[in-house]
Every structure is written in structure tokens, then in C-alpha cells.
C-alpha atoms as a PDB file:
ATOM      1  CA  UNK A   1    -124.438 -19.760 201.600  1.00  0.00           C
ATOM      2  CA  UNK A   2    -124.152 -17.009 199.003  1.00  0.00           C
ATOM      3  CA  UNK A   3    -126.759 -16.665 196.255  1.00  0.00           C
ATOM      4  CA  UNK A   4    -125.475 -17.023 192.725  1.00  0.00           C
ATOM      5  CA  UNK A   5    -126.906 -14.652 190.155  1.00  0.00           C
ATOM      6  CA  UNK A   6    -127.819 -16.397 186.947  1.00  0.00           C
ATOM      7  CA  UNK A   7    -128.336 -14.352 183.823  1.00  0.00           C
ATOM      8  CA  UNK A   8    -129.873 -16.084 180.886  1.00  0.00           C
ATOM      9  CA  UNK A   9    -130.762 -15.002 177.401  1.00  0.00           C
ATOM     10  CA  UNK A  10    -133.072 -16.004 174.604  1.00  0.00           C
ATOM     11  CA  UNK A  11    -132.605 -16.212 170.857  1.00  0.00           C
ATOM     12  CA  UNK A  12    -135.513 -15.814 168.465  1.00  0.00           C
ATOM     13  CA  UNK A  13    -135.597 -15.728 164.675  1.00  0.00           C
ATOM     14  CA  UNK A  14    -137.813 -12.769 163.768  1.00  0.00           C
ATOM     15  CA  UNK A  15    -139.574 -11.715 160.557  1.00  0.00           C
ATOM     16  CA  UNK A  16    -138.921 -14.938 158.653  1.00  0.00           C
ATOM     17  CA  UNK A  17    -142.355 -15.657 157.176  1.00  0.00           C
ATOM     18  CA  UNK A  18    -143.851 -19.098 156.702  1.00  0.00           C
ATOM     19  CA  UNK A  19    -140.987 -20.985 158.330  1.00  0.00           C
ATOM     20  CA  UNK A  20    -142.165 -24.234 159.941  1.00  0.00           C
ATOM     21  CA  UNK A  21    -141.654 -24.361 163.711  1.00  0.00           C
ATOM     22  CA  UNK A  22    -139.214 -27.262 163.471  1.00  0.00           C
ATOM     23  CA  UNK A  23    -136.932 -25.361 161.081  1.00  0.00           C
ATOM     24  CA  UNK A  24    -137.221 -22.153 163.143  1.00  0.00           C
ATOM     25  CA  UNK A  25    -136.180 -24.015 166.299  1.00  0.00           C
ATOM     26  CA  UNK A  26    -133.285 -25.683 164.481  1.00  0.00           C
ATOM     27  CA  UNK A  27    -132.065 -22.295 163.181  1.00  0.00           C
ATOM     28  CA  UNK A  28    -132.274 -20.745 166.648  1.00  0.00           C
ATOM     29  CA  UNK A  29    -130.395 -23.707 168.123  1.00  0.00           C
ATOM     30  CA  UNK A  30    -127.610 -23.423 165.515  1.00  0.00           C
ATOM     31  CA  UNK A  31    -127.351 -19.695 166.226  1.00  0.00           C
ATOM     32  CA  UNK A  32    -127.194 -20.247 169.995  1.00  0.00           C
ATOM     33  CA  UNK A  33    -124.614 -23.032 169.830  1.00  0.00           C
ATOM     34  CA  UNK A  34    -122.336 -21.047 167.556  1.00  0.00           C
ATOM     35  CA  UNK A  35    -122.619 -17.896 169.666  1.00  0.00           C
ATOM     36  CA  UNK A  36    -121.782 -19.833 172.834  1.00  0.00           C
ATOM     37  CA  UNK A  37    -118.895 -21.673 171.174  1.00  0.00           C
ATOM     38  CA  UNK A  38    -117.390 -18.441 169.838  1.00  0.00           C
ATOM     39  CA  UNK A  39    -117.774 -16.505 173.095  1.00  0.00           C
ATOM     40  CA  UNK A  40    -117.117 -19.249 175.627  1.00  0.00           C
ATOM     41  CA  UNK A  41    -120.462 -20.370 177.014  1.00  0.00           C
ATOM     42  CA  UNK A  42    -123.869 -19.035 178.021  1.00  0.00           C
ATOM     43  CA  UNK A  43    -122.571 -16.917 180.902  1.00  0.00           C
ATOM     44  CA  UNK A  44    -120.105 -15.143 178.627  1.00  0.00           C
ATOM     45  CA  UNK A  45    -122.830 -14.577 176.015  1.00  0.00           C
ATOM     46  CA  UNK A  46    -124.965 -12.847 178.643  1.00  0.00           C
ATOM     47  CA  UNK A  47    -121.995 -10.770 179.871  1.00  0.00           C
ATOM     48  CA  UNK A  48    -121.041  -9.798 176.332  1.00  0.00           C
ATOM     49  CA  UNK A  49    -124.608  -8.853 175.442  1.00  0.00           C
ATOM     50  CA  UNK A  50    -124.899  -6.724 178.562  1.00  0.00           C
ATOM     51  CA  UNK A  51    -121.591  -4.982 177.756  1.00  0.00           C
ATOM     52  CA  UNK A  52    -122.594  -4.336 174.135  1.00  0.00           C
ATOM     53  CA  UNK A  53    -125.966  -2.945 175.208  1.00  0.00           C
ATOM     54  CA  UNK A  54    -124.307  -0.586 177.696  1.00  0.00           C
ATOM     55  CA  UNK A  55    -121.802   0.481 175.066  1.00  0.00           C
ATOM     56  CA  UNK A  56    -124.582   1.194 172.543  1.00  0.00           C
ATOM     57  CA  UNK A  57    -126.510   3.244 175.111  1.00  0.00           C
ATOM     58  CA  UNK A  58    -123.497   5.415 175.908  1.00  0.00           C
ATOM     59  CA  UNK A  59    -121.694   7.824 173.634  1.00  0.00           C
ATOM     60  CA  UNK A  60    -118.672   5.516 173.694  1.00  0.00           C
ATOM     61  CA  UNK A  61    -116.303   8.100 175.132  1.00  0.00           C
ATOM     62  CA  UNK A  62    -115.941   6.283 178.440  1.00  0.00           C
ATOM     63  CA  UNK A  63    -115.507   2.828 176.903  1.00  0.00           C
ATOM     64  CA  UNK A  64    -112.518   0.891 178.143  1.00  0.00           C
ATOM     65  CA  UNK A  65    -110.223  -1.118 175.918  1.00  0.00           C
ATOM     66  CA  UNK A  66    -111.897  -4.209 177.390  1.00  0.00           C
ATOM     67  CA  UNK A  67    -115.346  -2.900 176.387  1.00  0.00           C
ATOM     68  CA  UNK A  68    -114.163  -2.258 172.835  1.00  0.00           C
ATOM     69  CA  UNK A  69    -112.566  -5.697 172.625  1.00  0.00           C
ATOM     70  CA  UNK A  70    -115.794  -7.296 173.879  1.00  0.00           C
ATOM     71  CA  UNK A  71    -117.820  -5.377 171.269  1.00  0.00           C
ATOM     72  CA  UNK A  72    -115.509  -6.570 168.480  1.00  0.00           C
ATOM     73  CA  UNK A  73    -115.655 -10.138 169.781  1.00  0.00           C
ATOM     74  CA  UNK A  74    -119.478  -9.942 169.954  1.00  0.00           C
ATOM     75  CA  UNK A  75    -119.643  -8.672 166.371  1.00  0.00           C
ATOM     76  CA  UNK A  76    -117.512 -11.540 165.062  1.00  0.00           C
ATOM     77  CA  UNK A  77    -119.390 -14.152 167.099  1.00  0.00           C
ATOM     78  CA  UNK A  78    -122.805 -12.805 166.075  1.00  0.00           C
ATOM     79  CA  UNK A  79    -121.807 -12.886 162.389  1.00  0.00           C
ATOM     80  CA  UNK A  80    -120.670 -16.505 162.659  1.00  0.00           C
ATOM     81  CA  UNK A  81    -123.868 -17.372 164.555  1.00  0.00           C
ATOM     82  CA  UNK A  82    -126.004 -15.649 161.911  1.00  0.00           C
ATOM     83  CA  UNK A  83    -124.323 -17.666 159.154  1.00  0.00           C
ATOM     84  CA  UNK A  84    -124.878 -20.895 161.105  1.00  0.00           C
ATOM     85  CA  UNK A  85    -128.476 -19.988 161.894  1.00  0.00           C
ATOM     86  CA  UNK A  86    -129.372 -19.331 158.266  1.00  0.00           C
ATOM     87  CA  UNK A  87    -127.585 -22.485 157.074  1.00  0.00           C
ATOM     88  CA  UNK A  88    -129.916 -24.323 154.736  1.00  0.00           C
ATOM     89  CA  UNK A  89    -132.582 -21.608 154.935  1.00  0.00           C
ATOM     90  CA  UNK A  90    -131.166 -18.641 153.093  1.00  0.00           C
ATOM     91  CA  UNK A  91    -131.441 -15.108 154.377  1.00  0.00           C
ATOM     92  CA  UNK A  92    -134.697 -13.211 153.949  1.00  0.00           C
ATOM     93  CA  UNK A  93    -134.807  -9.414 153.757  1.00  0.00           C
ATOM     94  CA  UNK A  94    -135.766  -8.065 157.155  1.00  0.00           C
ATOM     95  CA  UNK A  95    -135.259 -11.359 159.009  1.00  0.00           C
ATOM     96  CA  UNK A  96    -132.947 -11.297 162.005  1.00  0.00           C
ATOM     97  CA  UNK A  97    -131.974 -13.167 165.134  1.00  0.00           C
ATOM     98  CA  UNK A  98    -132.967 -11.323 168.275  1.00  0.00           C
ATOM     99  CA  UNK A  99    -130.868 -11.980 171.375  1.00  0.00           C
ATOM    100  CA  UNK A 100    -132.339 -10.717 174.642  1.00  0.00           C
ATOM    101  CA  UNK A 101    -131.415 -10.974 178.300  1.00  0.00           C
ATOM    102  CA  UNK A 102    -134.101 -12.586 180.421  1.00  0.00           C
END
């Protein structure tokens, strides 16, 4: 039987002062759900994040058309997720959603 590699990620709302835990968790959940809906599920989110990170670390000259398309798709999905995450809270200068591979 072949092992299946599972890549997961985490979402955390950072630098949003004095936000009750319940509201923070709700914002992170809205962000996550929107990101997954826009990209096609948790596996695709992890793949897209990995691709974007590799693209950002390179000079971009060797990026394929697929890499560029994934970066554009990530940008659109992350913007929609950010809007959903801040719904009902309002944006705070310096606050952001951090998405990390685990």
C-alpha cells in the first residue's frame, strides 16, 4: 500500500488587537472556507500556496504559464477570503491573515 502525502495549512488572523477569541475564530473560519471554495478545496489551497511561495522566492524568469495562472488565481481567492474574513469586523491597519503550510 502506497503512503499518501497530506499537506495541510493553517490560517491565523494576526495583529488585530483586542478581538475576542470567538470572533477571531469565526473570521479565520470565514477566510478558510472562502479560500477553499475559490480554489477548489484544502489540497488545492496547499498546492497553490506552495506554488506562490516558490514563485516569490525565484526571480520569476523560469515561471511557467501554469505558475503565473496559479499566482493570479491565488491573488483573487485571497482577496475574496480577506473580504469574507473581515466581514462584520472592519479592517484594522496592520492586521492580516497569515496562511502557512504545516
